[in-house]
Amino acid sequence: MVERVVGVGKSLIDFKIRHTQNPHAEATPMIQAVNDIRTGVGLYENLPVYAGGMTPNILSAFVQNIPNYPVRLLACIGDDALGEFYQLRTESQLGMLQVAVDERTGLIALSINEEGDIVDRYIEHGASDYVTVSKAESDESNGLLVTDLTVLGVETIFFEIDKLISSLGRTEGQFALNLAGSLPRFGKRERVISLLNSLKKQPDFIFGNQYEFEFATGLEIAKLAANIDTIFPNSRLVVVTFGKDGALVRFDGQAQFVPSVPVNADKIIDESGAGDCFEGTMLAYLYTKPYKIWSRHDVSSAAGTAALAASMIIQSSHTRLKNREVETVRRFFRNNLQQES
């Protein structure tokens, strides 16, 4: 029997103001743009507004690639128009989201200039901080728990996640943690270490980009590769992504480099969400086999497929793959399997 994948995440509306798409963006204060978008989702029809959040994006990539796998997303939205918008744009396989009646749906808004640089940022966590784990959920037979550091950083959710971590012991399930949020704005590095040490189970899988690993470990980016053997030594799988420079993957104590899929600079639109898609895609194809028999080749193949998926994300404003892109990724993975046989 295939055990369920469960994720605990922040459901955040992803709203991006692009100066090239909206000539008035520079003259519009961020807070005004946010208030406008809350009054009517269709107000900025030419601007990208999506259902986002790290762990929701990770699980979306998982179910897009492996649609028949049992997956459940525990996340919370507000009882408002943006909440309805979010639920409608969340894969039905992830289930109904929790609703915090007296809270507004969480939102992250980015103002992006013509060069693709983020020049302003606004985050309102709202209802996303109110996710809970019921006894029924913690009693489920969960094979994999997925979450991220921004979620662990919310004290009330941390204790909720502990319920699921405890349940993993009954099923010998795995725990995947994304270091998203492991940056100076999260607080001191000691806070990251304290959170990780407080967990009842250390993550089996750790994902993050080079900046997040730099902050979490205290190692300079240039020294991450040389010290990959000592980073999170209790984790079976450690994945450090370096954007266009590929990814460094350590599995069962052995490190390997996975190249990125080249994308011309003029085709890159937005790199946000690429790491989420990479993790979700990689985990999806790894879990086509039982965890205990994973090989180094399985990990390499899944990571290479994930690199392809991430290369598609950065060529659009979307943080999730389109249907035709999913088919391309699946075909790529199948072709790899046929070449092996």
C-alpha atoms as a PDB file:
ATOM      1  CA  MET A   1       0.000   0.000   0.000  1.00  0.00           C
ATOM      2  CA  VAL A   2       1.249   3.500  -0.885  1.00  0.00           C
ATOM      3  CA  GLU A   3       1.244   5.751   2.153  1.00  0.00           C
ATOM      4  CA  ARG A   4      -0.012   9.292   1.862  1.00  0.00           C
ATOM      5  CA  VAL A   5       2.066  12.404   1.259  1.00  0.00           C
ATOM      6  CA  VAL A   6       0.975  15.261   3.521  1.00  0.00           C
ATOM      7  CA  GLY A   7       2.199  18.835   3.371  1.00  0.00           C
ATOM      8  CA  VAL A   8       1.763  21.708   5.806  1.00  0.00           C
ATOM      9  CA  GLY A   9       2.213  25.064   4.157  1.00  0.00           C
ATOM     10  CA  LYS A  10       1.291  28.711   3.865  1.00  0.00           C
ATOM     11  CA  SER A  11      -1.365  29.377   1.241  1.00  0.00           C
ATOM     12  CA  LEU A  12      -0.356  32.746  -0.188  1.00  0.00           C
ATOM     13  CA  ILE A  13      -1.747  34.575  -3.189  1.00  0.00           C
ATOM     14  CA  ASP A  14       1.212  35.326  -5.457  1.00  0.00           C
ATOM     15  CA  PHE A  15       0.729  38.806  -6.969  1.00  0.00           C
ATOM     16  CA  LYS A  16       3.345  40.393  -9.214  1.00  0.00           C
ATOM     17  CA  ILE A  17       3.357  43.937 -10.559  1.00  0.00           C
ATOM     18  CA  ARG A  18       5.566  44.204 -13.624  1.00  0.00           C
ATOM     19  CA  HIS A  19       6.615  47.633 -14.762  1.00  0.00           C
ATOM     20  CA  THR A  20       6.714  46.433 -18.364  1.00  0.00           C
ATOM     21  CA  GLN A  21       3.094  45.251 -18.143  1.00  0.00           C
ATOM     22  CA  ASN A  22       1.659  48.126 -16.138  1.00  0.00           C
ATOM     23  CA  PRO A  23       3.069  51.522 -17.072  1.00  0.00           C
ATOM     24  CA  HIS A  24       1.521  53.000 -13.920  1.00  0.00           C
ATOM     25  CA  ALA A  25       3.163  50.532 -11.550  1.00  0.00           C
ATOM     26  CA  GLU A  26       5.959  52.901 -10.516  1.00  0.00           C
ATOM     27  CA  ALA A  27       3.406  55.536  -9.534  1.00  0.00           C
ATOM     28  CA  THR A  28       1.220  53.073  -7.624  1.00  0.00           C
ATOM     29  CA  PRO A  29       2.230  52.458  -3.996  1.00  0.00           C
ATOM     30  CA  MET A  30       2.491  48.765  -3.178  1.00  0.00           C
ATOM     31  CA  ILE A  31      -0.093  48.928  -0.395  1.00  0.00           C
ATOM     32  CA  GLN A  32      -2.595  50.563  -2.741  1.00  0.00           C
ATOM     33  CA  ALA A  33      -2.051  47.853  -5.340  1.00  0.00           C
ATOM     34  CA  VAL A  34      -2.621  45.196  -2.658  1.00  0.00           C
ATOM     35  CA  ASN A  35      -5.825  46.842  -1.485  1.00  0.00           C
ATOM     36  CA  ASP A  36      -7.007  47.089  -5.083  1.00  0.00           C
ATOM     37  CA  ILE A  37      -6.371  43.412  -5.751  1.00  0.00           C
ATOM     38  CA  ARG A  38      -8.295  42.469  -2.605  1.00  0.00           C
ATOM     39  CA  THR A  39     -11.372  44.350  -3.790  1.00  0.00           C
ATOM     40  CA  GLY A  40     -11.605  42.296  -6.973  1.00  0.00           C
ATOM     41  CA  VAL A  41      -9.332  39.561  -8.326  1.00  0.00           C
ATOM     42  CA  GLY A  42     -10.098  40.544 -11.921  1.00  0.00           C
ATOM     43  CA  LEU A  43      -9.031  44.158 -11.465  1.00  0.00           C
ATOM     44  CA  TYR A  44      -5.533  43.529 -12.817  1.00  0.00           C
ATOM     45  CA  GLU A  45      -6.439  41.112 -15.586  1.00  0.00           C
ATOM     46  CA  ASN A  46      -3.136  41.656 -17.363  1.00  0.00           C
ATOM     47  CA  LEU A  47      -1.040  41.003 -14.274  1.00  0.00           C
ATOM     48  CA  PRO A  48      -0.116  37.560 -12.919  1.00  0.00           C
ATOM     49  CA  VAL A  49      -2.126  36.614  -9.831  1.00  0.00           C
ATOM     50  CA  TYR A  50      -1.720  32.980  -8.760  1.00  0.00           C
ATOM     51  CA  ALA A  51      -2.280  30.536  -5.911  1.00  0.00           C
ATOM     52  CA  GLY A  52       1.182  30.182  -4.391  1.00  0.00           C
ATOM     53  CA  GLY A  53       3.230  29.482  -1.275  1.00  0.00           C
ATOM     54  CA  MET A  54       6.282  27.207  -1.046  1.00  0.00           C
ATOM     55  CA  THR A  55       4.822  23.944   0.204  1.00  0.00           C
ATOM     56  CA  PRO A  56       1.590  24.308  -1.828  1.00  0.00           C
ATOM     57  CA  ASN A  57       3.760  24.795  -4.925  1.00  0.00           C
ATOM     58  CA  ILE A  58       5.871  21.742  -4.018  1.00  0.00           C
ATOM     59  CA  LEU A  59       2.817  19.499  -3.594  1.00  0.00           C
ATOM     60  CA  SER A  60       1.229  20.874  -6.771  1.00  0.00           C
ATOM     61  CA  ALA A  61       4.323  19.844  -8.734  1.00  0.00           C
ATOM     62  CA  PHE A  62       4.184  16.420  -7.069  1.00  0.00           C
ATOM     63  CA  VAL A  63       0.559  15.696  -8.019  1.00  0.00           C
ATOM     64  CA  GLN A  64       0.951  17.160 -11.499  1.00  0.00           C
ATOM     65  CA  ASN A  65       3.697  14.670 -12.248  1.00  0.00           C
ATOM     66  CA  ILE A  66       2.257  11.681 -10.336  1.00  0.00           C
ATOM     67  CA  PRO A  67      -1.512  12.360 -10.421  1.00  0.00           C
ATOM     68  CA  ASN A  68      -2.700   9.126  -8.789  1.00  0.00           C
ATOM     69  CA  TYR A  69      -0.571   9.392  -5.663  1.00  0.00           C
ATOM     70  CA  PRO A  70      -2.505  10.110  -2.420  1.00  0.00           C
ATOM     71  CA  VAL A  71      -1.528  13.653  -1.395  1.00  0.00           C
ATOM     72  CA  ARG A  72      -3.075  16.047   1.143  1.00  0.00           C
ATOM     73  CA  LEU A  73      -2.305  19.736   1.640  1.00  0.00           C
ATOM     74  CA  LEU A  74      -2.979  21.254   5.059  1.00  0.00           C
ATOM     75  CA  ALA A  75      -3.170  25.004   4.538  1.00  0.00           C
ATOM     76  CA  CYS A  76      -5.538  27.794   5.487  1.00  0.00           C
ATOM     77  CA  ILE A  77      -7.255  30.540   3.474  1.00  0.00           C
ATOM     78  CA  GLY A  78      -9.519  33.400   4.495  1.00  0.00           C
ATOM     79  CA  ASP A  79     -13.271  33.577   3.995  1.00  0.00           C
ATOM     80  CA  ASP A  80     -12.954  36.122   1.191  1.00  0.00           C
ATOM     81  CA  ALA A  81     -12.776  36.461  -2.591  1.00  0.00           C
ATOM     82  CA  LEU A  82      -9.058  35.710  -2.696  1.00  0.00           C
ATOM     83  CA  GLY A  83      -9.657  32.572  -0.643  1.00  0.00           C
ATOM     84  CA  GLU A  84     -12.220  31.359  -3.160  1.00  0.00           C
ATOM     85  CA  PHE A  85      -9.791  32.236  -5.950  1.00  0.00           C
ATOM     86  CA  TYR A  86      -7.044  30.218  -4.231  1.00  0.00           C
ATOM     87  CA  GLN A  87      -9.208  27.131  -3.681  1.00  0.00           C
ATOM     88  CA  LEU A  88     -10.394  27.122  -7.290  1.00  0.00           C
ATOM     89  CA  ARG A  89      -6.807  27.188  -8.511  1.00  0.00           C
ATOM     90  CA  THR A  90      -5.562  24.469  -6.207  1.00  0.00           C
ATOM     91  CA  GLU A  91      -5.442  20.933  -7.591  1.00  0.00           C
ATOM     92  CA  SER A  92      -8.549  19.065  -6.397  1.00  0.00           C
ATOM     93  CA  GLN A  93      -6.373  16.098  -5.438  1.00  0.00           C
ATOM     94  CA  LEU A  94      -4.850  18.191  -2.632  1.00  0.00           C
ATOM     95  CA  GLY A  95      -8.245  18.431  -0.921  1.00  0.00           C
ATOM     96  CA  MET A  96     -10.285  21.269   0.534  1.00  0.00           C
ATOM     97  CA  LEU A  97      -8.319  23.917   2.373  1.00  0.00           C
ATOM     98  CA  GLN A  98      -9.050  25.092   5.891  1.00  0.00           C
ATOM     99  CA  VAL A  99     -10.835  28.443   6.240  1.00  0.00           C
ATOM    100  CA  ALA A 100     -10.190  31.057   8.938  1.00  0.00           C
ATOM    101  CA  VAL A 101     -13.453  33.005   9.001  1.00  0.00           C
ATOM    102  CA  ASP A 102     -12.129  36.177  10.625  1.00  0.00           C
ATOM    103  CA  GLU A 103      -8.845  36.371   8.692  1.00  0.00           C
ATOM    104  CA  ARG A 104      -7.921  37.538   5.209  1.00  0.00           C
ATOM    105  CA  THR A 105      -6.231  35.197   2.752  1.00  0.00           C
ATOM    106  CA  GLY A 106      -2.454  35.548   2.890  1.00  0.00           C
ATOM    107  CA  LEU A 107      -0.743  37.408   0.089  1.00  0.00           C
ATOM    108  CA  ILE A 108       2.758  38.114  -1.167  1.00  0.00           C
ATOM    109  CA  ALA A 109       3.127  40.974  -3.639  1.00  0.00           C
ATOM    110  CA  LEU A 110       6.284  41.736  -5.600  1.00  0.00           C
ATOM    111  CA  SER A 111       7.041  44.775  -7.703  1.00  0.00           C
ATOM    112  CA  ILE A 112       9.439  43.810 -10.511  1.00  0.00           C
ATOM    113  CA  ASN A 113      11.308  46.200 -12.808  1.00  0.00           C
ATOM    114  CA  GLU A 114      12.123  45.718 -16.492  1.00  0.00           C
ATOM    115  CA  GLU A 115      15.376  43.912 -15.624  1.00  0.00           C
ATOM    116  CA  GLY A 116      13.450  41.350 -13.575  1.00  0.00           C
ATOM    117  CA  ASP A 117      14.732  42.639 -10.220  1.00  0.00           C
ATOM    118  CA  ILE A 118      12.417  42.803  -7.221  1.00  0.00           C
ATOM    119  CA  VAL A 119      12.229  46.473  -6.202  1.00  0.00           C
ATOM    120  CA  ASP A 120       9.475  46.233  -3.595  1.00  0.00           C
ATOM    121  CA  ARG A 121       7.930  43.468  -1.526  1.00  0.00           C
ATOM    122  CA  TYR A 122       4.830  43.179   0.639  1.00  0.00           C
ATOM    123  CA  ILE A 123       3.763  40.130   2.650  1.00  0.00           C
ATOM    124  CA  GLU A 124       0.561  39.695   4.620  1.00  0.00           C
ATOM    125  CA  HIS A 125       0.382  36.210   6.158  1.00  0.00           C
ATOM    126  CA  GLY A 126      -3.218  36.502   7.326  1.00  0.00           C
ATOM    127  CA  ALA A 127      -5.107  33.213   7.407  1.00  0.00           C
ATOM    128  CA  SER A 128      -2.044  31.203   6.328  1.00  0.00           C
ATOM    129  CA  ASP A 129      -0.767  31.286   9.915  1.00  0.00           C
ATOM    130  CA  TYR A 130      -3.869  29.530  11.251  1.00  0.00           C
ATOM    131  CA  VAL A 131      -3.471  26.039   9.795  1.00  0.00           C
ATOM    132  CA  THR A 132      -4.155  23.220  12.251  1.00  0.00           C
ATOM    133  CA  VAL A 133      -3.651  19.447  12.332  1.00  0.00           C
ATOM    134  CA  SER A 134      -6.612  17.434  13.569  1.00  0.00           C
ATOM    135  CA  LYS A 135      -6.308  14.140  15.424  1.00  0.00           C
ATOM    136  CA  ALA A 136      -7.741  12.408  12.346  1.00  0.00           C
ATOM    137  CA  GLU A 137      -4.979  13.878  10.196  1.00  0.00           C
ATOM    138  CA  SER A 138      -2.221  12.922  12.624  1.00  0.00           C
ATOM    139  CA  ASP A 139      -3.667   9.404  12.880  1.00  0.00           C
ATOM    140  CA  GLU A 140      -3.426   8.914   9.098  1.00  0.00           C
ATOM    141  CA  SER A 141      -0.779   6.574   7.721  1.00  0.00           C
ATOM    142  CA  ASN A 142       1.574   9.182   6.299  1.00  0.00           C
ATOM    143  CA  GLY A 143       4.589   8.094   4.273  1.00  0.00           C
ATOM    144  CA  LEU A 144       6.039  11.556   3.649  1.00  0.00           C
ATOM    145  CA  LEU A 145       5.673  14.908   5.413  1.00  0.00           C
ATOM    146  CA  VAL A 146       6.599  18.028   3.435  1.00  0.00           C
ATOM    147  CA  THR A 147       6.957  21.516   4.879  1.00  0.00           C
ATOM    148  CA  ASP A 148       9.254  24.544   4.837  1.00  0.00           C
ATOM    149  CA  LEU A 149      11.106  26.755   7.269  1.00  0.00           C
ATOM    150  CA  THR A 150       8.677  29.690   6.970  1.00  0.00           C
ATOM    151  CA  VAL A 151       5.992  27.384   8.362  1.00  0.00           C
ATOM    152  CA  LEU A 152       8.162  26.057  11.195  1.00  0.00           C
ATOM    153  CA  GLY A 153       8.869  29.669  12.130  1.00  0.00           C
ATOM    154  CA  VAL A 154       5.238  30.151  13.209  1.00  0.00           C
ATOM    155  CA  GLU A 155       5.124  28.856  16.780  1.00  0.00           C
ATOM    156  CA  THR A 156       1.518  27.642  16.690  1.00  0.00           C
ATOM    157  CA  ILE A 157       2.059  25.742  13.434  1.00  0.00           C
ATOM    158  CA  PHE A 158       5.343  24.275  14.699  1.00  0.00           C
ATOM    159  CA  PHE A 159       3.469  22.412  17.430  1.00  0.00           C
ATOM    160  CA  GLU A 160       0.855  21.270  14.907  1.00  0.00           C
ATOM    161  CA  ILE A 161       3.581  19.839  12.669  1.00  0.00           C
ATOM    162  CA  ASP A 162       5.035  18.002  15.654  1.00  0.00           C
ATOM    163  CA  LYS A 163       1.834  15.907  15.699  1.00  0.00           C
ATOM    164  CA  LEU A 164       2.511  14.728  12.152  1.00  0.00           C
ATOM    165  CA  ILE A 165       6.195  14.133  12.843  1.00  0.00           C
ATOM    166  CA  SER A 166       5.219  11.861  15.715  1.00  0.00           C
ATOM    167  CA  SER A 167       2.921   9.898  13.411  1.00  0.00           C
ATOM    168  CA  LEU A 168       5.773   9.249  10.969  1.00  0.00           C
ATOM    169  CA  GLY A 169       7.380   6.963  13.513  1.00  0.00           C
ATOM    170  CA  ARG A 170       4.488   4.515  13.207  1.00  0.00           C
ATOM    171  CA  THR A 171       4.900   4.173   9.449  1.00  0.00           C
ATOM    172  CA  GLU A 172       8.675   4.697   9.164  1.00  0.00           C
ATOM    173  CA  GLY A 173       7.733   7.682   7.032  1.00  0.00           C
ATOM    174  CA  GLN A 174      10.075  10.380   5.746  1.00  0.00           C
ATOM    175  CA  PHE A 175      10.296  14.090   6.459  1.00  0.00           C
ATOM    176  CA  ALA A 176      11.232  16.623   3.742  1.00  0.00           C
ATOM    177  CA  LEU A 177      12.128  20.189   4.726  1.00  0.00           C
ATOM    178  CA  ASN A 178      12.674  23.139   2.427  1.00  0.00           C
ATOM    179  CA  LEU A 179      14.934  25.851   3.851  1.00  0.00           C
ATOM    180  CA  ALA A 180      12.825  28.580   2.230  1.00  0.00           C
ATOM    181  CA  GLY A 181      12.968  31.608   4.470  1.00  0.00           C
ATOM    182  CA  SER A 182      16.470  30.835   5.764  1.00  0.00           C
ATOM    183  CA  LEU A 183      17.680  34.351   5.048  1.00  0.00           C
ATOM    184  CA  PRO A 184      18.667  37.341   7.211  1.00  0.00           C
ATOM    185  CA  ARG A 185      15.065  38.622   7.313  1.00  0.00           C
ATOM    186  CA  PHE A 186      14.111  35.377   9.126  1.00  0.00           C
ATOM    187  CA  GLY A 187      16.157  36.523  12.114  1.00  0.00           C
ATOM    188  CA  LYS A 188      19.450  35.269  13.494  1.00  0.00           C
ATOM    189  CA  ARG A 189      20.949  32.004  12.258  1.00  0.00           C
ATOM    190  CA  GLU A 190      20.676  30.682  15.798  1.00  0.00           C
ATOM    191  CA  ARG A 191      16.900  30.750  15.399  1.00  0.00           C
ATOM    192  CA  VAL A 192      17.124  28.366  12.426  1.00  0.00           C
ATOM    193  CA  ILE A 193      19.390  26.001  14.369  1.00  0.00           C
ATOM    194  CA  SER A 194      17.098  26.145  17.401  1.00  0.00           C
ATOM    195  CA  LEU A 195      14.037  25.264  15.309  1.00  0.00           C
ATOM    196  CA  LEU A 196      15.768  22.322  13.659  1.00  0.00           C
ATOM    197  CA  ASN A 197      17.092  21.012  16.982  1.00  0.00           C
ATOM    198  CA  SER A 198      13.609  21.242  18.478  1.00  0.00           C
ATOM    199  CA  LEU A 199      12.091  18.864  15.932  1.00  0.00           C
ATOM    200  CA  LYS A 200      11.128  15.409  17.183  1.00  0.00           C
ATOM    201  CA  LYS A 201      12.604  13.960  13.987  1.00  0.00           C
ATOM    202  CA  GLN A 202      15.399  15.391  11.883  1.00  0.00           C
ATOM    203  CA  PRO A 203      14.559  15.844   8.186  1.00  0.00           C
ATOM    204  CA  ASP A 204      15.404  12.920   5.920  1.00  0.00           C
ATOM    205  CA  PHE A 205      15.528  15.312   2.958  1.00  0.00           C
ATOM    206  CA  ILE A 206      16.733  18.925   2.952  1.00  0.00           C
ATOM    207  CA  PHE A 207      16.192  21.236  -0.037  1.00  0.00           C
ATOM    208  CA  GLY A 208      17.207  24.860  -0.515  1.00  0.00           C
ATOM    209  CA  ASN A 209      19.138  27.290  -2.666  1.00  0.00           C
ATOM    210  CA  GLN A 210      22.713  28.362  -2.056  1.00  0.00           C
ATOM    211  CA  TYR A 211      21.730  31.504  -0.140  1.00  0.00           C
ATOM    212  CA  GLU A 212      19.434  29.577   2.204  1.00  0.00           C
ATOM    213  CA  PHE A 213      22.118  26.966   2.884  1.00  0.00           C
ATOM    214  CA  GLU A 214      24.689  29.712   3.415  1.00  0.00           C
ATOM    215  CA  PHE A 215      22.530  31.318   6.102  1.00  0.00           C
ATOM    216  CA  ALA A 216      21.481  28.034   7.746  1.00  0.00           C
ATOM    217  CA  THR A 217      24.988  26.567   7.919  1.00  0.00           C
ATOM    218  CA  GLY A 218      27.137  29.672   8.290  1.00  0.00           C
ATOM    219  CA  LEU A 219      29.280  28.489   5.370  1.00  0.00           C
ATOM    220  CA  GLU A 220      30.155  30.813   2.509  1.00  0.00           C
ATOM    221  CA  ILE A 221      28.550  29.785  -0.782  1.00  0.00           C
ATOM    222  CA  ALA A 222      31.970  29.040  -2.261  1.00  0.00           C
ATOM    223  CA  LYS A 223      32.594  26.517   0.534  1.00  0.00           C
ATOM    224  CA  LEU A 224      29.276  24.626   0.353  1.00  0.00           C
ATOM    225  CA  ALA A 225      30.478  22.097  -2.213  1.00  0.00           C
ATOM    226  CA  ALA A 226      33.683  21.309  -0.329  1.00  0.00           C
ATOM    227  CA  ASN A 227      31.715  20.759   2.878  1.00  0.00           C
ATOM    228  CA  ILE A 228      28.690  18.960   1.455  1.00  0.00           C
ATOM    229  CA  ASP A 229      29.626  15.801   3.428  1.00  0.00           C
ATOM    230  CA  THR A 230      29.258  17.608   6.757  1.00  0.00           C
ATOM    231  CA  ILE A 231      26.085  19.598   6.038  1.00  0.00           C
ATOM    232  CA  PHE A 232      23.064  18.107   7.827  1.00  0.00           C
ATOM    233  CA  PRO A 233      24.855  14.762   8.327  1.00  0.00           C
ATOM    234  CA  ASN A 234      21.708  12.985   9.567  1.00  0.00           C
ATOM    235  CA  SER A 235      19.780  13.673   6.356  1.00  0.00           C
ATOM    236  CA  ARG A 236      19.846  10.960   3.692  1.00  0.00           C
ATOM    237  CA  LEU A 237      19.252  13.431   0.835  1.00  0.00           C
ATOM    238  CA  VAL A 238      20.576  17.007   0.694  1.00  0.00           C
ATOM    239  CA  VAL A 239      19.919  19.179  -2.358  1.00  0.00           C
ATOM    240  CA  VAL A 240      21.523  22.598  -2.856  1.00  0.00           C
ATOM    241  CA  THR A 241      20.341  24.451  -5.957  1.00  0.00           C
ATOM    242  CA  PHE A 242      22.533  27.073  -7.634  1.00  0.00           C
ATOM    243  CA  GLY A 243      20.137  28.431 -10.261  1.00  0.00           C
ATOM    244  CA  LYS A 244      21.667  28.333 -13.734  1.00  0.00           C
ATOM    245  CA  ASP A 245      24.732  26.613 -12.258  1.00  0.00           C
ATOM    246  CA  GLY A 246      22.815  23.433 -11.491  1.00  0.00           C
ATOM    247  CA  ALA A 247      22.406  21.563  -8.224  1.00  0.00           C
ATOM    248  CA  LEU A 248      24.622  19.731  -5.774  1.00  0.00           C
ATOM    249  CA  VAL A 249      23.002  16.538  -4.512  1.00  0.00           C
ATOM    250  CA  ARG A 250      24.225  14.334  -1.662  1.00  0.00           C
ATOM    251  CA  PHE A 251      22.566  10.953  -1.269  1.00  0.00           C
ATOM    252  CA  ASP A 252      23.664   8.225   1.116  1.00  0.00           C
ATOM    253  CA  GLY A 253      26.879  10.126   1.749  1.00  0.00           C
ATOM    254  CA  GLN A 254      27.837  10.466  -1.937  1.00  0.00           C
ATOM    255  CA  ALA A 255      27.741  13.813  -3.722  1.00  0.00           C
ATOM    256  CA  GLN A 256      26.991  14.441  -7.378  1.00  0.00           C
ATOM    257  CA  PHE A 257      26.472  17.492  -9.545  1.00  0.00           C
ATOM    258  CA  VAL A 258      23.284  17.813 -11.582  1.00  0.00           C
ATOM    259  CA  PRO A 259      23.494  20.397 -14.401  1.00  0.00           C
ATOM    260  CA  SER A 260      20.683  22.823 -15.069  1.00  0.00           C
ATOM    261  CA  VAL A 261      18.816  22.889 -18.381  1.00  0.00           C
ATOM    262  CA  PRO A 262      20.183  25.940 -20.273  1.00  0.00           C
ATOM    263  CA  VAL A 263      17.734  28.775 -20.915  1.00  0.00           C
ATOM    264  CA  ASN A 264      18.635  31.867 -22.946  1.00  0.00           C
ATOM    265  CA  ALA A 265      18.746  34.985 -20.778  1.00  0.00           C
ATOM    266  CA  ASP A 266      16.185  36.765 -22.963  1.00  0.00           C
ATOM    267  CA  LYS A 267      13.676  33.977 -22.280  1.00  0.00           C
ATOM    268  CA  ILE A 268      13.919  34.146 -18.498  1.00  0.00           C
ATOM    269  CA  ILE A 269      10.880  35.942 -17.120  1.00  0.00           C
ATOM    270  CA  ASP A 270      10.715  35.072 -13.429  1.00  0.00           C
ATOM    271  CA  GLU A 271      12.817  32.666 -11.361  1.00  0.00           C
ATOM    272  CA  SER A 272      10.537  32.583  -8.316  1.00  0.00           C
ATOM    273  CA  GLY A 273       8.912  29.203  -7.769  1.00  0.00           C
ATOM    274  CA  ALA A 274      11.598  27.278  -9.667  1.00  0.00           C
ATOM    275  CA  GLY A 275      13.026  25.740  -6.500  1.00  0.00           C
ATOM    276  CA  ASP A 276       9.563  24.655  -5.326  1.00  0.00           C
ATOM    277  CA  CYS A 277       8.890  23.011  -8.671  1.00  0.00           C
ATOM    278  CA  PHE A 278      12.325  21.342  -8.588  1.00  0.00           C
ATOM    279  CA  GLU A 279      11.669  19.768  -5.186  1.00  0.00           C
ATOM    280  CA  GLY A 280       8.117  18.650  -5.956  1.00  0.00           C
ATOM    281  CA  THR A 281       9.116  17.125  -9.277  1.00  0.00           C
ATOM    282  CA  MET A 282      12.177  15.379  -7.861  1.00  0.00           C
ATOM    283  CA  LEU A 283      10.231  13.884  -4.958  1.00  0.00           C
ATOM    284  CA  ALA A 284       7.426  12.779  -7.277  1.00  0.00           C
ATOM    285  CA  TYR A 285       9.708  10.713  -9.497  1.00  0.00           C
ATOM    286  CA  LEU A 286      11.673   9.338  -6.562  1.00  0.00           C
ATOM    287  CA  TYR A 287       8.442   8.068  -5.038  1.00  0.00           C
ATOM    288  CA  THR A 288       7.645   6.023  -8.110  1.00  0.00           C
ATOM    289  CA  LYS A 289       9.815   3.485  -6.278  1.00  0.00           C
ATOM    290  CA  PRO A 290       9.758   2.360  -2.632  1.00  0.00           C
ATOM    291  CA  TYR A 291      11.954   4.583  -0.496  1.00  0.00           C
ATOM    292  CA  LYS A 292      14.133   1.758   0.825  1.00  0.00           C
ATOM    293  CA  ILE A 293      15.355   0.714  -2.628  1.00  0.00           C
ATOM    294  CA  TRP A 294      16.270   4.149  -3.986  1.00  0.00           C
ATOM    295  CA  SER A 295      19.620   4.144  -5.740  1.00  0.00           C
ATOM    296  CA  ARG A 296      22.058   6.887  -6.605  1.00  0.00           C
ATOM    297  CA  HIS A 297      20.946   6.544 -10.217  1.00  0.00           C
ATOM    298  CA  ASP A 298      17.286   7.021  -9.198  1.00  0.00           C
ATOM    299  CA  VAL A 299      18.235  10.235  -7.442  1.00  0.00           C
ATOM    300  CA  SER A 300      20.243  11.490 -10.414  1.00  0.00           C
ATOM    301  CA  SER A 301      17.424  10.719 -12.850  1.00  0.00           C
ATOM    302  CA  ALA A 302      14.791  12.418 -10.675  1.00  0.00           C
ATOM    303  CA  ALA A 303      17.020  15.478 -10.201  1.00  0.00           C
ATOM    304  CA  GLY A 304      17.665  15.761 -13.944  1.00  0.00           C
ATOM    305  CA  THR A 305      13.927  15.624 -14.601  1.00  0.00           C
ATOM    306  CA  ALA A 306      13.377  18.258 -11.908  1.00  0.00           C
ATOM    307  CA  ALA A 307      15.937  20.516 -13.593  1.00  0.00           C
ATOM    308  CA  LEU A 308      13.891  20.364 -16.788  1.00  0.00           C
ATOM    309  CA  ALA A 309      10.711  21.268 -14.925  1.00  0.00           C
ATOM    310  CA  ALA A 310      12.421  24.207 -13.190  1.00  0.00           C
ATOM    311  CA  SER A 311      13.712  25.496 -16.532  1.00  0.00           C
ATOM    312  CA  MET A 312      10.091  25.761 -17.717  1.00  0.00           C
ATOM    313  CA  ILE A 313       8.979  27.671 -14.625  1.00  0.00           C
ATOM    314  CA  ILE A 314      11.507  30.468 -15.147  1.00  0.00           C
ATOM    315  CA  GLN A 315      10.249  31.078 -18.680  1.00  0.00           C
ATOM    316  CA  SER A 316       6.851  32.291 -17.449  1.00  0.00           C
ATOM    317  CA  SER A 317       5.262  34.206 -14.593  1.00  0.00           C
ATOM    318  CA  HIS A 318       3.624  31.013 -13.333  1.00  0.00           C
ATOM    319  CA  THR A 319       4.914  29.201 -10.260  1.00  0.00           C
ATOM    320  CA  ARG A 320       3.292  25.945 -11.382  1.00  0.00           C
ATOM    321  CA  LEU A 321       3.634  23.949 -14.591  1.00  0.00           C
ATOM    322  CA  LYS A 322       1.089  24.133 -17.376  1.00  0.00           C
ATOM    323  CA  ASN A 323      -0.481  20.890 -18.599  1.00  0.00           C
ATOM    324  CA  ARG A 324       1.574  20.706 -21.789  1.00  0.00           C
ATOM    325  CA  GLU A 325       4.764  21.285 -19.788  1.00  0.00           C
ATOM    326  CA  VAL A 326       3.857  18.458 -17.419  1.00  0.00           C
ATOM    327  CA  GLU A 327       3.499  16.121 -20.389  1.00  0.00           C
ATOM    328  CA  THR A 328       6.956  17.125 -21.623  1.00  0.00           C
ATOM    329  CA  VAL A 329       8.462  16.435 -18.196  1.00  0.00           C
ATOM    330  CA  ARG A 330       6.740  13.037 -17.935  1.00  0.00           C
ATOM    331  CA  ARG A 331       7.920  12.076 -21.407  1.00  0.00           C
ATOM    332  CA  PHE A 332      11.479  13.077 -20.514  1.00  0.00           C
ATOM    333  CA  PHE A 333      11.406  10.822 -17.443  1.00  0.00           C
ATOM    334  CA  ARG A 334       9.880   7.900 -19.362  1.00  0.00           C
ATOM    335  CA  ASN A 335      12.507   8.198 -22.083  1.00  0.00           C
ATOM    336  CA  ASN A 336      15.217   8.019 -19.427  1.00  0.00           C
ATOM    337  CA  LEU A 337      13.681   4.835 -18.058  1.00  0.00           C
ATOM    338  CA  GLN A 338      13.533   3.268 -21.517  1.00  0.00           C
ATOM    339  CA  GLN A 339      17.177   4.099 -22.179  1.00  0.00           C
ATOM    340  CA  GLU A 340      18.143   2.422 -18.891  1.00  0.00           C
ATOM    341  CA  SER A 341      16.284  -0.773 -19.810  1.00  0.00           C
END
